[in-house]
Amino acid sequence: MGIEGEHLARLEAEGPIDLWKATELLAYDADNPSSVVGSLRLARENARGLREILATEVWEALNRTYHELDNHVRAARTLGPHLLFQWVRDRVALVGGLIDTVLLHDDGWRFLTIGRSLERVDMTARLLGAVPANADASRWSGVLVSCGANDAFLRTYGGDIDQAKALSVLLLDPDFPRSVSYALAQAEQALDDVDGGQRPNGGRRRPLVRTSAAAREVGRIRSELAYTDPALLAADLPAVVARLQAATAYASELVTQRYFQRVAFIEWTPDKSA
């Protein structure tokens, strides 16, 4: 999950890392911005900064989640994390649904879609990178459940689970909203819309499309995946995971440079020359 530095050092200083210590760091630690609790707190703070332009329903859902969070964490530390994780998934799904249904689908929504899509690709790649090479069908079933892909897999392949079939759903399925291919296509479309790209117009010659570097990077990795056999992906999974993570990180950096580059403040001072 990319946890390193002082957070990992503090955890290791207390002895060997076990399930409960990992859960504490990745789920409950409010000081870790990558934890479940830390992410929800940051989401609410960011939303508060955009309160005047954020839909009321979205703000209320995030604010309520924030205020109920501490009670759920206390219960999870006593009873176990399952109910907390289930509640978090429900709340995140609610907020995501509201974002798609009550926000204007303008550039603000498009940037949210870009970030959500790239984050989904990165998190799926991290989950796949944690699966050992000799994983059996039960382990791959757990990965499918973790990605919300179990029902989609069963409808496509039935109960016969193996690595190549699981990867075909998680990486390649163009109809499954949580697949890597679907997320990359969403990010590519949103980037093209933000950049003012034009779509083909009937039988006329297609105008030149102003495609950004980020859209080209996302399109490149999407096309590379689309034309690769699932068996080849399974045979070279660590390299596939590394390429996905590198591509999403690079695309995120390109988006930041193009659209969110901060300009240094220039302070003008009177000329004091004689």
Protein backbone atom coordinates (compact mmCIF):
# COMPACT_ATOMS: atom_id res chain seq x y z
CA MET A 1 0.00 0.00 0.00
CA GLY A 2 2.99 2.32 -0.30
CA ILE A 3 3.39 2.74 3.47
CA GLU A 4 6.96 3.65 4.34
CA GLY A 5 9.03 6.18 6.26
CA GLU A 6 8.11 7.13 9.80
CA HIS A 7 4.79 5.27 9.81
CA LEU A 8 6.40 1.95 8.94
CA ALA A 9 9.39 2.58 11.21
CA ARG A 10 7.11 3.28 14.18
CA LEU A 11 5.21 0.09 13.52
CA GLU A 12 8.32 -2.06 13.17
CA ALA A 13 9.81 -0.59 16.36
CA GLU A 14 6.99 -2.19 18.34
CA GLY A 15 7.88 -5.70 17.14
CA PRO A 16 6.92 -7.96 14.25
CA ILE A 17 4.03 -6.72 12.13
CA ASP A 18 0.92 -8.86 12.50
CA LEU A 19 -2.64 -8.56 11.23
CA TRP A 20 -3.80 -6.27 14.02
CA LYS A 21 -0.87 -3.86 13.71
CA ALA A 22 -1.33 -3.66 9.95
CA THR A 23 -5.05 -3.01 10.41
CA GLU A 24 -4.33 -0.29 12.96
CA LEU A 25 -2.00 1.49 10.53
CA LEU A 26 -4.02 1.01 7.33
CA ALA A 27 -7.51 1.46 8.81
CA TYR A 28 -7.60 3.38 12.10
CA ASP A 29 -4.52 5.63 12.21
CA ALA A 30 -5.80 9.21 11.79
CA ASP A 31 -2.24 10.50 11.40
CA ASN A 32 -1.67 8.34 8.33
CA PRO A 33 -3.24 10.13 5.32
CA SER A 34 -3.37 6.82 3.43
CA SER A 35 -5.41 5.01 6.07
CA VAL A 36 -9.18 4.58 5.85
CA VAL A 37 -9.79 7.03 8.68
CA GLY A 38 -7.18 9.49 7.42
CA SER A 39 -8.63 9.45 3.90
CA LEU A 40 -12.18 10.05 5.11
CA ARG A 41 -11.05 12.95 7.29
CA LEU A 42 -9.16 14.54 4.38
CA ALA A 43 -12.14 14.05 2.08
CA ARG A 44 -14.34 15.97 4.50
CA GLU A 45 -11.77 18.75 4.94
CA ASN A 46 -11.36 19.13 1.17
CA ALA A 47 -15.13 19.21 0.76
CA ARG A 48 -15.41 21.90 3.41
CA GLY A 49 -13.03 24.06 1.40
CA LEU A 50 -15.33 23.68 -1.61
CA ARG A 51 -18.57 24.06 0.34
CA GLU A 52 -19.89 26.97 -1.74
CA ILE A 53 -19.67 25.03 -5.03
CA LEU A 54 -20.32 21.49 -3.77
CA ALA A 55 -23.82 20.02 -3.99
CA THR A 56 -25.58 20.04 -0.61
CA GLU A 57 -26.30 16.31 -0.72
CA VAL A 58 -22.63 15.45 -1.26
CA TRP A 59 -21.49 17.72 1.57
CA GLU A 60 -24.08 16.32 3.98
CA ALA A 61 -23.09 12.73 3.17
CA LEU A 62 -19.40 13.46 3.76
CA ASN A 63 -20.06 15.49 6.90
CA ARG A 64 -22.26 12.80 8.41
CA THR A 65 -19.65 10.16 7.61
CA TYR A 66 -17.02 12.26 9.38
CA HIS A 67 -19.10 12.73 12.53
CA GLU A 68 -20.04 9.02 12.76
CA LEU A 69 -16.50 7.80 12.09
CA ASP A 70 -15.10 7.83 15.64
CA ASN A 71 -17.95 5.70 17.00
CA HIS A 72 -17.44 3.09 14.29
CA VAL A 73 -13.68 2.99 14.91
CA ARG A 74 -14.19 2.46 18.66
CA ALA A 75 -16.57 -0.40 17.92
CA ALA A 76 -14.13 -1.90 15.38
CA ARG A 77 -11.29 -1.93 17.90
CA THR A 78 -13.51 -3.95 20.23
CA LEU A 79 -15.51 -6.17 17.90
CA GLY A 80 -13.24 -6.39 14.86
CA PRO A 81 -12.99 -4.37 11.65
CA HIS A 82 -15.59 -6.14 9.50
CA LEU A 83 -18.55 -3.90 10.36
CA LEU A 84 -16.41 -0.76 9.97
CA PHE A 85 -15.24 -1.80 6.51
CA GLN A 86 -18.78 -2.63 5.45
CA TRP A 87 -20.01 0.76 6.70
CA VAL A 88 -17.15 2.57 4.91
CA ARG A 89 -17.93 0.83 1.63
CA ASP A 90 -21.59 1.79 1.93
CA ARG A 91 -20.76 5.44 2.69
CA VAL A 92 -18.21 5.71 -0.11
CA ALA A 93 -20.69 4.17 -2.55
CA LEU A 94 -23.31 6.69 -1.41
CA VAL A 95 -20.98 9.65 -1.91
CA GLY A 96 -19.82 8.33 -5.28
CA GLY A 97 -23.41 7.88 -6.42
CA LEU A 98 -24.33 11.39 -5.32
CA ILE A 99 -21.32 12.85 -7.11
CA ASP A 100 -22.43 11.21 -10.36
CA THR A 101 -26.12 12.12 -10.01
CA VAL A 102 -26.37 15.58 -8.41
CA LEU A 103 -23.15 17.39 -9.43
CA LEU A 104 -22.89 19.28 -12.67
CA HIS A 105 -20.87 17.20 -15.12
CA ASP A 106 -18.52 20.09 -15.79
CA ASP A 107 -14.73 20.22 -15.56
CA GLY A 108 -14.84 19.86 -11.77
CA TRP A 109 -16.71 16.56 -12.09
CA ARG A 110 -14.34 15.48 -14.88
CA PHE A 111 -11.30 16.02 -12.67
CA LEU A 112 -13.01 14.00 -9.91
CA THR A 113 -13.58 11.23 -12.45
CA ILE A 114 -9.96 11.35 -13.59
CA GLY A 115 -8.68 11.09 -10.02
CA ARG A 116 -11.09 8.34 -9.05
CA SER A 117 -10.30 6.32 -12.18
CA LEU A 118 -6.52 6.58 -11.83
CA GLU A 119 -6.74 5.76 -8.12
CA ARG A 120 -8.87 2.71 -8.91
CA VAL A 121 -6.27 1.47 -11.42
CA ASP A 122 -3.46 1.98 -8.91
CA MET A 123 -5.29 0.25 -6.05
CA THR A 124 -6.26 -2.71 -8.24
CA ALA A 125 -2.65 -3.03 -9.34
CA ARG A 126 -1.48 -2.99 -5.71
CA LEU A 127 -3.94 -5.75 -4.81
CA LEU A 128 -2.75 -7.86 -7.74
CA GLY A 129 0.86 -7.22 -6.80
CA ALA A 130 0.22 -8.70 -3.35
CA VAL A 131 -1.00 -12.03 -4.75
CA PRO A 132 1.73 -14.73 -4.66
CA ALA A 133 2.64 -16.54 -7.86
CA ASN A 134 1.38 -19.88 -6.51
CA ALA A 135 -2.01 -18.54 -5.37
CA ASP A 136 -4.84 -21.05 -5.61
CA ALA A 137 -8.48 -20.52 -6.62
CA SER A 138 -9.54 -19.52 -3.10
CA ARG A 139 -6.97 -16.71 -3.01
CA TRP A 140 -8.12 -15.39 -6.39
CA SER A 141 -11.72 -15.61 -5.18
CA GLY A 142 -10.73 -13.35 -2.28
CA VAL A 143 -9.14 -10.86 -4.69
CA LEU A 144 -12.32 -10.79 -6.79
CA VAL A 145 -14.42 -10.15 -3.68
CA SER A 146 -12.03 -7.37 -2.58
CA CYS A 147 -12.49 -5.62 -5.94
CA GLY A 148 -16.26 -6.08 -5.99
CA ALA A 149 -15.82 -8.33 -9.03
CA ASN A 150 -17.06 -11.67 -7.74
CA ASP A 151 -20.58 -11.41 -9.16
CA ALA A 152 -19.27 -10.14 -12.49
CA PHE A 153 -16.87 -13.10 -12.64
CA LEU A 154 -19.56 -15.64 -11.80
CA ARG A 155 -21.85 -14.28 -14.51
CA THR A 156 -19.01 -14.45 -17.03
CA TYR A 157 -17.19 -17.69 -16.17
CA GLY A 158 -19.25 -19.48 -13.54
CA GLY A 159 -17.40 -20.96 -10.57
CA ASP A 160 -14.25 -22.08 -12.41
CA ILE A 161 -11.68 -19.61 -11.05
CA ASP A 162 -8.11 -19.40 -12.26
CA GLN A 163 -5.57 -16.59 -12.59
CA ALA A 164 -6.05 -15.83 -16.29
CA LYS A 165 -9.86 -15.66 -16.00
CA ALA A 166 -9.67 -13.46 -12.90
CA LEU A 167 -7.28 -11.09 -14.68
CA SER A 168 -9.52 -10.94 -17.73
CA VAL A 169 -12.27 -9.49 -15.51
CA LEU A 170 -10.09 -7.33 -13.27
CA LEU A 171 -7.92 -5.91 -16.04
CA LEU A 172 -9.67 -6.23 -19.39
CA ASP A 173 -13.46 -6.33 -19.07
CA PRO A 174 -14.83 -3.22 -20.87
CA ASP A 175 -18.29 -3.63 -19.29
CA PHE A 176 -17.22 -3.97 -15.65
CA PRO A 177 -16.97 -0.52 -13.96
CA ARG A 178 -14.20 -1.58 -11.58
CA SER A 179 -11.92 -3.14 -14.19
CA VAL A 180 -8.65 -1.43 -15.05
CA SER A 181 -9.61 -1.14 -18.72
CA TYR A 182 -12.93 0.53 -17.89
CA ALA A 183 -11.29 2.97 -15.46
CA LEU A 184 -8.59 3.90 -17.97
CA ALA A 185 -11.21 4.50 -20.66
CA GLN A 186 -13.13 6.78 -18.29
CA ALA A 187 -9.99 8.73 -17.41
CA GLU A 188 -9.02 9.04 -21.08
CA GLN A 189 -12.48 10.34 -22.04
CA ALA A 190 -12.55 12.83 -19.17
CA LEU A 191 -9.06 14.09 -20.03
CA ASP A 192 -10.09 14.52 -23.65
CA ASP A 193 -13.23 16.44 -22.62
CA VAL A 194 -11.27 18.71 -20.28
CA ASP A 195 -8.77 19.43 -23.05
CA GLY A 196 -11.50 20.30 -25.55
CA GLY A 197 -11.00 17.32 -27.84
CA GLN A 198 -13.53 16.85 -30.61
CA ARG A 199 -15.29 13.64 -31.54
CA PRO A 200 -15.68 12.29 -35.09
CA ASN A 201 -18.51 13.98 -37.00
CA GLY A 202 -20.39 11.61 -39.32
CA GLY A 203 -18.54 10.81 -42.53
CA ARG A 204 -16.56 14.02 -42.57
CA ARG A 205 -12.84 14.13 -41.98
CA ARG A 206 -12.10 14.09 -38.26
CA PRO A 207 -10.71 17.40 -36.99
CA LEU A 208 -7.37 17.48 -35.26
CA VAL A 209 -7.83 16.51 -31.61
CA ARG A 210 -5.92 18.45 -28.98
CA THR A 211 -4.84 15.48 -26.89
CA SER A 212 -2.90 16.18 -23.72
CA ALA A 213 0.21 14.24 -22.68
CA ALA A 214 -1.76 12.71 -19.79
CA ALA A 215 -4.47 11.44 -22.16
CA ARG A 216 -1.79 9.94 -24.43
CA GLU A 217 -0.19 8.14 -21.49
CA VAL A 218 -3.52 6.75 -20.29
CA GLY A 219 -4.48 5.74 -23.83
CA ARG A 220 -1.13 4.03 -24.36
CA ILE A 221 -1.39 1.77 -21.31
CA ARG A 222 -5.09 1.08 -22.05
CA SER A 223 -4.30 0.01 -25.61
CA GLU A 224 -1.39 -2.11 -24.43
CA LEU A 225 -3.71 -3.97 -22.07
CA ALA A 226 -6.54 -4.32 -24.58
CA TYR A 227 -4.39 -6.18 -27.10
CA THR A 228 -2.66 -8.52 -24.65
CA ASP A 229 -3.88 -12.06 -24.08
CA PRO A 230 -4.95 -12.77 -20.44
CA ALA A 231 -2.61 -15.77 -20.35
CA LEU A 232 0.33 -13.50 -21.18
CA LEU A 233 -0.76 -11.05 -18.49
CA ALA A 234 -0.86 -13.89 -15.97
CA ALA A 235 2.60 -15.10 -16.99
CA ASP A 236 4.12 -11.64 -16.50
CA LEU A 237 1.90 -10.22 -13.75
CA PRO A 238 4.61 -8.43 -11.67
CA ALA A 239 5.76 -6.49 -14.74
CA VAL A 240 2.15 -5.66 -15.67
CA VAL A 241 1.49 -4.35 -12.15
CA ALA A 242 4.67 -2.25 -12.26
CA ARG A 243 3.73 -0.74 -15.65
CA LEU A 244 0.22 0.12 -14.45
CA GLN A 245 1.50 1.84 -11.32
CA ALA A 246 4.17 3.74 -13.24
CA ALA A 247 1.67 4.85 -15.90
CA THR A 248 -0.92 6.09 -13.39
CA ALA A 249 1.72 7.94 -11.36
CA TYR A 250 3.09 9.58 -14.52
CA ALA A 251 -0.39 10.50 -15.78
CA SER A 252 -1.24 12.05 -12.40
CA GLU A 253 1.94 14.10 -12.52
CA LEU A 254 1.16 15.27 -16.05
CA VAL A 255 -2.35 16.34 -14.99
CA THR A 256 -0.86 18.28 -12.07
CA GLN A 257 1.69 20.00 -14.28
CA ARG A 258 -0.83 20.95 -16.95
CA TYR A 259 -3.83 22.02 -14.88
CA PHE A 260 -2.73 22.61 -11.28
CA GLN A 261 0.74 24.09 -11.58
CA ARG A 262 1.26 26.65 -8.87
CA VAL A 263 3.00 29.88 -9.84
CA ALA A 264 5.43 31.41 -7.38
CA PHE A 265 4.17 34.64 -5.83
CA ILE A 266 5.93 37.72 -7.19
CA GLU A 267 6.40 40.55 -4.75
CA TRP A 268 6.95 43.94 -6.28
CA THR A 269 9.13 46.35 -4.34
CA PRO A 270 9.81 50.01 -5.02
CA ASP A 271 13.09 50.83 -6.70
CA LYS A 272 15.42 52.18 -4.05
CA SER A 273 18.28 53.01 -6.36
CA ALA A 274 19.69 56.50 -5.97
